[in-house]
Amino acid sequence: MAKQVWQMRSRIMNNKEVFDRNGVLYLNNLLSKEECDEALLCLFKEKQNGNFITDSMGFNLTYNLYELDYLLHRVKPRIEKILDVELFHAYIYSRIYQPGDKLDMHTDRNSCEISITVTLGYSGDDIWPFVYLTKNDTKPYIHFENDGSRYP
């Protein structure tokens, strides 16, 4: 009796394939701890100086904060390499979440062909998941400090 050998062919999907399949791509260690700390310090300073607005859902936020533009330019080549795509800057949207905050499901505006969410830090012991409606289901992603994700 001849012995049969089965060879499994498998390969690792590239980032584009993962995103196309799931609709979300987790970006581990997108920023350094120092970059996150620097950005957080800037955000809280701007909030303390009254440069944040409160939106209709009660969130504290700011658009296109000049002081964070450097961070976008620092991280842009990293994201382009991960996604294998050339990016064009649209805007920076910064929000500070408080315990109990919940962002309702929404779709970003059309100009956001590629959106990236980055967790800069947490206060307290709780780590809040981001829950995305993917192509297959609703899936929670736990962002640790300096992690991000690409979503539709």
Protein backbone atom coordinates (compact mmCIF):
# COMPACT_ATOMS: atom_id res chain seq x y z
CA MET A 1 0.00 0.00 0.00
CA ALA A 2 1.47 3.27 -1.09
CA LYS A 3 1.78 5.97 1.49
CA GLN A 4 0.11 9.21 0.51
CA VAL A 5 1.62 12.47 1.50
CA TRP A 6 -0.69 15.44 1.70
CA GLN A 7 0.84 18.79 1.32
CA MET A 8 -1.12 21.70 2.68
CA ARG A 9 -0.62 24.91 0.89
CA SER A 10 -1.06 27.91 3.03
CA ARG A 11 0.16 31.42 2.93
CA ILE A 12 -0.15 34.45 5.08
CA MET A 13 -2.56 37.02 3.74
CA ASN A 14 -1.13 40.46 3.13
CA ASN A 15 -2.63 43.49 4.87
CA LYS A 16 -4.80 44.45 1.90
CA GLU A 17 -6.26 40.94 1.77
CA VAL A 18 -6.95 40.99 5.52
CA PHE A 19 -8.71 44.34 5.22
CA ASP A 20 -10.67 43.29 2.12
CA ARG A 21 -11.79 40.10 3.88
CA ASN A 22 -12.65 41.55 7.30
CA GLY A 23 -13.19 45.26 6.72
CA VAL A 24 -10.84 46.04 9.62
CA LEU A 25 -7.06 45.82 9.95
CA TYR A 26 -5.44 45.91 13.39
CA LEU A 27 -2.24 47.98 13.51
CA ASN A 28 -0.06 46.86 16.40
CA ASN A 29 2.49 49.33 17.83
CA LEU A 30 1.64 52.01 15.31
CA LEU A 31 3.08 54.73 17.54
CA SER A 32 5.77 54.70 20.17
CA LYS A 33 4.93 55.24 23.84
CA GLU A 34 6.76 58.58 23.65
CA GLU A 35 4.69 59.71 20.65
CA CYS A 36 1.48 58.76 22.47
CA ASP A 37 2.52 60.57 25.64
CA GLU A 38 3.49 63.68 23.66
CA ALA A 39 0.16 63.71 21.81
CA LEU A 40 -1.84 63.16 25.00
CA LEU A 41 -0.05 66.01 26.73
CA CYS A 42 -0.88 68.26 23.78
CA LEU A 43 -4.54 67.21 23.73
CA PHE A 44 -5.12 67.73 27.44
CA LYS A 45 -3.32 71.08 27.31
CA GLU A 46 -5.54 72.20 24.43
CA LYS A 47 -8.64 71.03 26.29
CA GLN A 48 -7.56 72.90 29.42
CA ASN A 49 -7.01 76.04 27.31
CA GLY A 50 -10.58 75.78 26.01
CA ASN A 51 -9.66 74.78 22.47
CA PHE A 52 -11.99 71.77 22.35
CA ILE A 53 -15.63 71.84 21.35
CA THR A 54 -18.45 69.60 22.54
CA ASP A 55 -20.35 67.85 19.78
CA SER A 56 -24.05 66.96 19.70
CA MET A 57 -23.33 63.65 21.48
CA GLY A 58 -21.47 65.40 24.30
CA PHE A 59 -17.94 64.38 23.29
CA ASN A 60 -14.96 66.71 23.70
CA LEU A 61 -13.19 66.96 20.37
CA THR A 62 -10.98 69.02 18.13
CA TYR A 63 -10.34 69.09 14.38
CA ASN A 64 -7.01 69.65 12.67
CA LEU A 65 -5.08 70.54 15.78
CA TYR A 66 -1.91 72.07 14.37
CA GLU A 67 0.17 70.76 17.26
CA LEU A 68 -0.66 67.16 16.27
CA ASP A 69 0.10 67.59 12.59
CA TYR A 70 3.70 66.51 13.22
CA LEU A 71 2.41 63.15 14.46
CA LEU A 72 0.46 62.57 11.26
CA HIS A 73 3.55 63.27 9.16
CA ARG A 74 5.64 60.97 11.36
CA VAL A 75 3.22 58.06 11.15
CA LYS A 76 2.14 58.50 7.50
CA PRO A 77 5.12 56.59 5.99
CA ARG A 78 4.56 53.72 8.44
CA ILE A 79 0.89 53.44 7.47
CA GLU A 80 1.69 53.71 3.75
CA LYS A 81 4.15 50.84 4.10
CA ILE A 82 1.69 48.67 6.05
CA LEU A 83 -1.19 49.34 3.65
CA ASP A 84 0.94 49.53 0.49
CA VAL A 85 -0.85 52.67 -0.61
CA GLU A 86 -0.04 56.37 -0.98
CA LEU A 87 -1.96 58.52 1.50
CA PHE A 88 -3.15 62.09 1.26
CA HIS A 89 -3.84 64.11 4.38
CA ALA A 90 -7.51 64.99 4.85
CA TYR A 91 -7.80 65.98 8.50
CA ILE A 92 -7.02 65.08 12.09
CA TYR A 93 -9.94 64.43 14.40
CA SER A 94 -9.17 64.05 18.09
CA ARG A 95 -11.60 62.96 20.75
CA ILE A 96 -11.14 62.35 24.46
CA TYR A 97 -13.35 59.58 25.74
CA GLN A 98 -14.47 59.46 29.36
CA PRO A 99 -15.59 56.37 31.31
CA GLY A 100 -19.04 55.33 30.11
CA ASP A 101 -18.78 57.08 26.72
CA LYS A 102 -20.18 55.16 23.78
CA LEU A 103 -19.78 56.23 20.19
CA ASP A 104 -22.79 55.08 18.19
CA MET A 105 -22.24 53.15 14.98
CA HIS A 106 -21.62 55.55 12.13
CA THR A 107 -19.89 55.92 8.79
CA ASP A 108 -17.15 58.47 8.32
CA ARG A 109 -17.65 61.10 5.65
CA ASN A 110 -16.83 60.22 2.03
CA SER A 111 -13.54 62.14 2.07
CA CYS A 112 -12.26 59.53 4.54
CA GLU A 113 -11.33 56.79 2.11
CA ILE A 114 -8.90 55.42 4.70
CA SER A 115 -9.56 56.07 8.37
CA ILE A 116 -7.18 55.12 11.16
CA THR A 117 -8.04 55.10 14.87
CA VAL A 118 -5.16 55.17 17.36
CA THR A 119 -5.39 54.73 21.12
CA LEU A 120 -3.01 57.17 22.77
CA GLY A 121 -3.64 56.07 26.34
CA TYR A 122 -6.04 55.08 29.09
CA SER A 123 -6.83 56.36 32.53
CA GLY A 124 -7.93 53.91 35.19
CA ASP A 125 -7.90 50.16 34.99
CA ASP A 126 -10.50 49.54 32.30
CA ILE A 127 -9.49 49.01 28.70
CA TRP A 128 -12.37 49.73 26.36
CA PRO A 129 -12.82 47.75 23.18
CA PHE A 130 -13.56 49.31 19.83
CA VAL A 131 -16.42 47.40 18.26
CA TYR A 132 -16.51 47.39 14.47
CA LEU A 133 -19.20 46.07 12.21
CA THR A 134 -17.06 44.01 9.86
CA LYS A 135 -18.10 42.35 6.63
CA ASN A 136 -18.87 39.16 8.53
CA ASP A 137 -20.00 40.22 12.00
CA THR A 138 -19.59 42.70 14.81
CA LYS A 139 -16.14 42.27 16.25
CA PRO A 140 -14.51 43.93 19.27
CA TYR A 141 -10.89 45.02 18.96
CA ILE A 142 -8.92 45.78 22.09
CA HIS A 143 -6.59 48.68 21.42
CA PHE A 144 -3.72 48.93 23.82
CA GLU A 145 -1.77 52.15 24.08
CA ASN A 146 -0.06 52.93 20.77
CA ASP A 147 -2.19 50.46 18.76
CA GLY A 148 -4.55 51.43 16.00
CA SER A 149 -6.80 50.04 13.33
CA ARG A 150 -7.91 50.82 9.83
CA TYR A 151 -11.62 50.68 9.28
CA PRO A 152 -14.04 51.59 6.49
